Each structure stands twice: as C-alpha cells, then as structure tokens.
Amino acid sequence: MILKMPEHFDQDEWFIITVIFLGIIMYNILPKRFPTVITAVIILYSIAIPRILDYTIAIDHFHLYYLTDSNKLDLFDVIMDGIYPPFGYLYIYIYDYFKFKNVLLVLYVAAWSLIAIGTEFIASQFHVYHYFGWKLSYSLPIYTLVLTLNILIFNCCMNNLKNNVQIPIIKK
C-alpha cells in the first residue's frame, strides 16, 4: 500500500515534524540510562499503544475523531507515530531517576496525565486531532491507565533483566 501525501502541508505536519525533532534532540542530550533492550521496549510501547487506541477509536464504527488532514490514512498519520516515543521515554526516564513510590507515584502519574491532556490540547490547536463527539476529558482515564501500564511494564522488564530471566527458545 502506497501512502498518499497530506492534502495540505500545513500546521499539523509542521507540529509533528517539530515534536519529533525536539524528541530526537532530547534523547541525544539526556545521558543514557537504560540498556538498549529497555529503550526499545519503551519506544515500541509508546508507538503501539497510541496506534492501537487511535485506530480503534477513530475507525468508521466509532468515528470520534480523525488524525491530521482527513479520515483517510496518509503518510503523516504514520510519521505521527514518532511523536509518542519522546513523551514515553522522558516519562520513564524521570520516573526511574527519582524512583517515585506510593503517594508520590500516584501524583507523578496524575501530573503526567495532565501533561498528556495539555499536549493533546496543543496538538488539537494545530489540527493534528479533529474531534467528532470525542471530548478532551475522555482522554484522562486513558492516559492514566496507559501511563500506569507503562511503569508496570518497565518495572517488569527491569526486574527480568536484573534477575537475568531469559525467555526460553523452542528449537525444532
């Protein structure tokens, strides 16, 4: 399948390019904190979950919003996957650096859920999201759940790495 170019190259595409560029700069400035496999898990999780949710909620059956210029898949809908990993990486980076626990962890997840809402609002002002029945407030429980799962997956991966847990490979 060949992806078509956007109908108009305007503010939504520039927003996506800018966020990806800033994310690359952030990643290169921050000291490396995680093994490559953990960084890969963070990046893949940060791409997969929004993609699954966006395409589940934005599909024709629900059609609560669409991404970028139209409800048809174009090149920037795929490139847009690059805006999520910097957010997820920084979230886990700060979490791991400060080792939040108990009430501070709850406050941390709540704060980042609000940051995500703010980021989504800004993106919608640049016409990255077009809402048809979706309200920004609906995103809050989703962000809270996704961010909580992100920490659980990160902790599970780090524990497995520290305990040298290896996944068995079935040989034929």
Protein backbone atom coordinates (compact mmCIF):
# COMPACT_ATOMS: atom_id res chain seq x y z
CA MET A 1 0.00 0.00 0.00
CA ILE A 2 1.35 3.38 -1.01
CA LEU A 3 0.53 6.14 1.43
CA LYS A 4 -0.64 9.36 -0.10
CA MET A 5 0.84 12.71 0.79
CA PRO A 6 -1.20 15.04 3.01
CA GLU A 7 -3.91 17.08 1.30
CA HIS A 8 -2.22 20.25 2.57
CA PHE A 9 1.22 20.60 4.11
CA ASP A 10 0.30 22.95 6.92
CA GLN A 11 0.43 23.40 10.68
CA ASP A 12 -0.40 19.82 11.66
CA GLU A 13 2.52 18.43 9.65
CA TRP A 14 4.85 21.13 10.98
CA PHE A 15 3.74 20.33 14.53
CA ILE A 16 4.52 16.64 14.02
CA ILE A 17 7.93 17.36 12.47
CA THR A 18 8.80 19.82 15.27
CA VAL A 19 7.83 17.42 18.07
CA ILE A 20 9.80 14.57 16.50
CA PHE A 21 12.83 16.84 16.01
CA LEU A 22 12.67 18.07 19.64
CA GLY A 23 12.30 14.46 20.80
CA ILE A 24 15.45 13.44 18.93
CA ILE A 25 17.34 16.35 20.49
CA MET A 26 16.06 15.42 23.97
CA TYR A 27 17.06 11.78 23.53
CA ASN A 28 20.56 12.77 22.41
CA ILE A 29 21.04 15.29 25.25
CA LEU A 30 19.91 13.05 28.11
CA PRO A 31 22.58 10.72 29.49
CA LYS A 32 21.88 7.12 28.51
CA ARG A 33 20.12 5.47 31.42
CA PHE A 34 18.72 2.18 30.13
CA PRO A 35 20.02 -0.87 28.33
CA THR A 36 19.17 -0.91 24.63
CA VAL A 37 16.51 -3.57 25.07
CA ILE A 38 14.68 -1.45 27.68
CA THR A 39 14.86 1.63 25.46
CA ALA A 40 13.41 -0.47 22.62
CA VAL A 41 10.54 -1.63 24.85
CA ILE A 42 9.78 1.97 25.88
CA ILE A 43 9.80 3.13 22.25
CA LEU A 44 7.70 0.21 20.96
CA TYR A 45 5.16 0.58 23.77
CA SER A 46 4.99 4.33 23.10
CA ILE A 47 4.22 3.67 19.44
CA ALA A 48 1.96 0.61 19.74
CA ILE A 49 -0.50 1.79 22.39
CA PRO A 50 -1.40 5.15 20.80
CA ARG A 51 -1.64 3.48 17.38
CA ILE A 52 -4.00 0.80 18.69
CA LEU A 53 -6.11 3.33 20.59
CA ASP A 54 -6.16 5.94 17.81
CA TYR A 55 -7.17 3.46 15.14
CA THR A 56 -9.70 1.75 17.39
CA ILE A 57 -11.43 4.95 18.46
CA ALA A 58 -11.05 6.76 15.14
CA ILE A 59 -12.33 3.91 12.93
CA ASP A 60 -15.55 4.30 10.98
CA HIS A 61 -17.68 2.45 13.53
CA PHE A 62 -16.95 4.96 16.28
CA HIS A 63 -15.54 7.86 14.22
CA LEU A 64 -15.00 10.02 17.30
CA TYR A 65 -12.03 11.84 15.77
CA TYR A 66 -9.53 11.63 12.98
CA LEU A 67 -5.86 12.44 12.68
CA THR A 68 -4.18 15.14 10.58
CA ASP A 69 -5.88 16.27 7.35
CA SER A 70 -8.56 13.65 6.77
CA ASN A 71 -10.08 10.42 7.95
CA LYS A 72 -8.06 8.61 5.27
CA LEU A 73 -4.64 7.22 6.12
CA ASP A 74 -1.82 9.34 4.74
CA LEU A 75 1.94 9.48 5.16
CA PHE A 76 1.83 11.82 8.17
CA ASP A 77 -0.55 9.53 10.03
CA VAL A 78 2.31 7.03 10.04
CA ILE A 79 5.05 9.62 10.67
CA MET A 80 2.94 10.82 13.61
CA ASP A 81 3.87 7.60 15.44
CA GLY A 82 7.21 9.32 16.06
CA ILE A 83 5.71 11.95 18.38
CA TYR A 84 4.88 9.45 21.13
CA PRO A 85 8.27 7.85 21.99
CA PRO A 86 9.90 11.06 23.31
CA PHE A 87 6.95 11.52 25.69
CA GLY A 88 7.14 7.90 26.89
CA TYR A 89 10.91 7.93 27.16
CA LEU A 90 11.03 11.14 29.22
CA TYR A 91 8.19 9.86 31.42
CA ILE A 92 10.06 6.64 32.25
CA TYR A 93 13.42 8.41 32.46
CA ILE A 94 12.18 10.80 35.17
CA TYR A 95 10.29 8.01 36.95
CA ASP A 96 13.42 5.85 37.08
CA TYR A 97 15.66 8.75 38.12
CA PHE A 98 13.53 9.74 41.12
CA LYS A 99 12.20 6.24 41.98
CA PHE A 100 8.74 7.53 42.92
CA LYS A 101 6.74 5.36 45.33
CA ASN A 102 3.30 5.41 46.97
CA VAL A 103 1.64 8.84 47.03
CA LEU A 104 4.43 10.46 45.00
CA LEU A 105 3.96 7.82 42.31
CA VAL A 106 0.22 8.49 42.16
CA LEU A 107 0.89 12.23 41.93
CA TYR A 108 3.52 11.62 39.25
CA VAL A 109 1.11 9.59 37.09
CA ALA A 110 -1.62 12.20 37.65
CA ALA A 111 0.73 15.05 36.71
CA TRP A 112 1.83 13.30 33.51
CA SER A 113 -1.79 12.50 32.66
CA LEU A 114 -2.47 16.24 32.84
CA ILE A 115 0.66 16.95 30.79
CA ALA A 116 -0.63 14.50 28.18
CA ILE A 117 -4.03 16.26 28.15
CA GLY A 118 -2.25 19.59 27.70
CA THR A 119 -0.13 18.19 24.89
CA GLU A 120 -3.21 16.74 23.19
CA PHE A 121 -4.95 20.11 23.52
CA ILE A 122 -1.99 21.90 21.91
CA ALA A 123 -1.89 19.28 19.14
CA SER A 124 -5.61 19.79 18.51
CA GLN A 125 -5.00 23.53 18.18
CA PHE A 126 -2.56 22.65 15.38
CA HIS A 127 -5.26 20.44 13.82
CA VAL A 128 -3.46 17.17 14.49
CA TYR A 129 -6.71 15.87 16.01
CA HIS A 130 -10.21 16.66 14.73
CA TYR A 131 -12.92 15.68 17.23
CA PHE A 132 -16.44 14.44 16.38
CA GLY A 133 -18.01 13.54 19.70
CA TRP A 134 -14.72 12.98 21.50
CA LYS A 135 -14.01 15.32 24.38
CA LEU A 136 -10.57 16.01 25.76
CA SER A 137 -11.76 14.94 29.21
CA TYR A 138 -12.35 11.40 27.84
CA SER A 139 -8.59 11.10 27.38
CA LEU A 140 -7.78 11.50 31.09
CA PRO A 141 -8.64 7.94 32.23
CA ILE A 142 -6.99 6.53 29.11
CA TYR A 143 -3.74 8.43 29.75
CA THR A 144 -3.82 7.42 33.42
CA LEU A 145 -4.21 3.75 32.51
CA VAL A 146 -1.60 3.83 29.73
CA LEU A 147 0.95 5.65 31.90
CA THR A 148 0.38 3.25 34.80
CA LEU A 149 0.83 0.26 32.49
CA ASN A 150 3.98 1.87 31.11
CA ILE A 151 5.51 1.88 34.59
CA LEU A 152 4.39 -1.70 35.26
CA ILE A 153 5.89 -2.95 32.00
CA PHE A 154 9.11 -1.00 32.63
CA ASN A 155 9.45 -2.43 36.16
CA CYS A 156 8.72 -5.95 34.92
CA CYS A 157 11.35 -5.65 32.16
CA MET A 158 13.94 -4.17 34.53
CA ASN A 159 13.31 -6.91 37.12
CA ASN A 160 13.64 -9.60 34.45
CA LEU A 161 16.86 -8.01 33.24
CA LYS A 162 18.30 -7.74 36.77
CA ASN A 163 17.33 -11.33 37.57
CA ASN A 164 18.71 -12.45 34.21
CA VAL A 165 15.41 -14.06 33.28
CA GLN A 166 15.70 -15.50 29.81
CA ILE A 167 12.82 -16.33 27.56
CA PRO A 168 13.05 -19.98 26.51
CA ILE A 169 13.51 -20.56 22.80
CA ILE A 170 11.87 -23.64 21.35
CA LYS A 171 14.20 -25.36 18.91
CA LYS A 172 12.89 -27.71 16.28
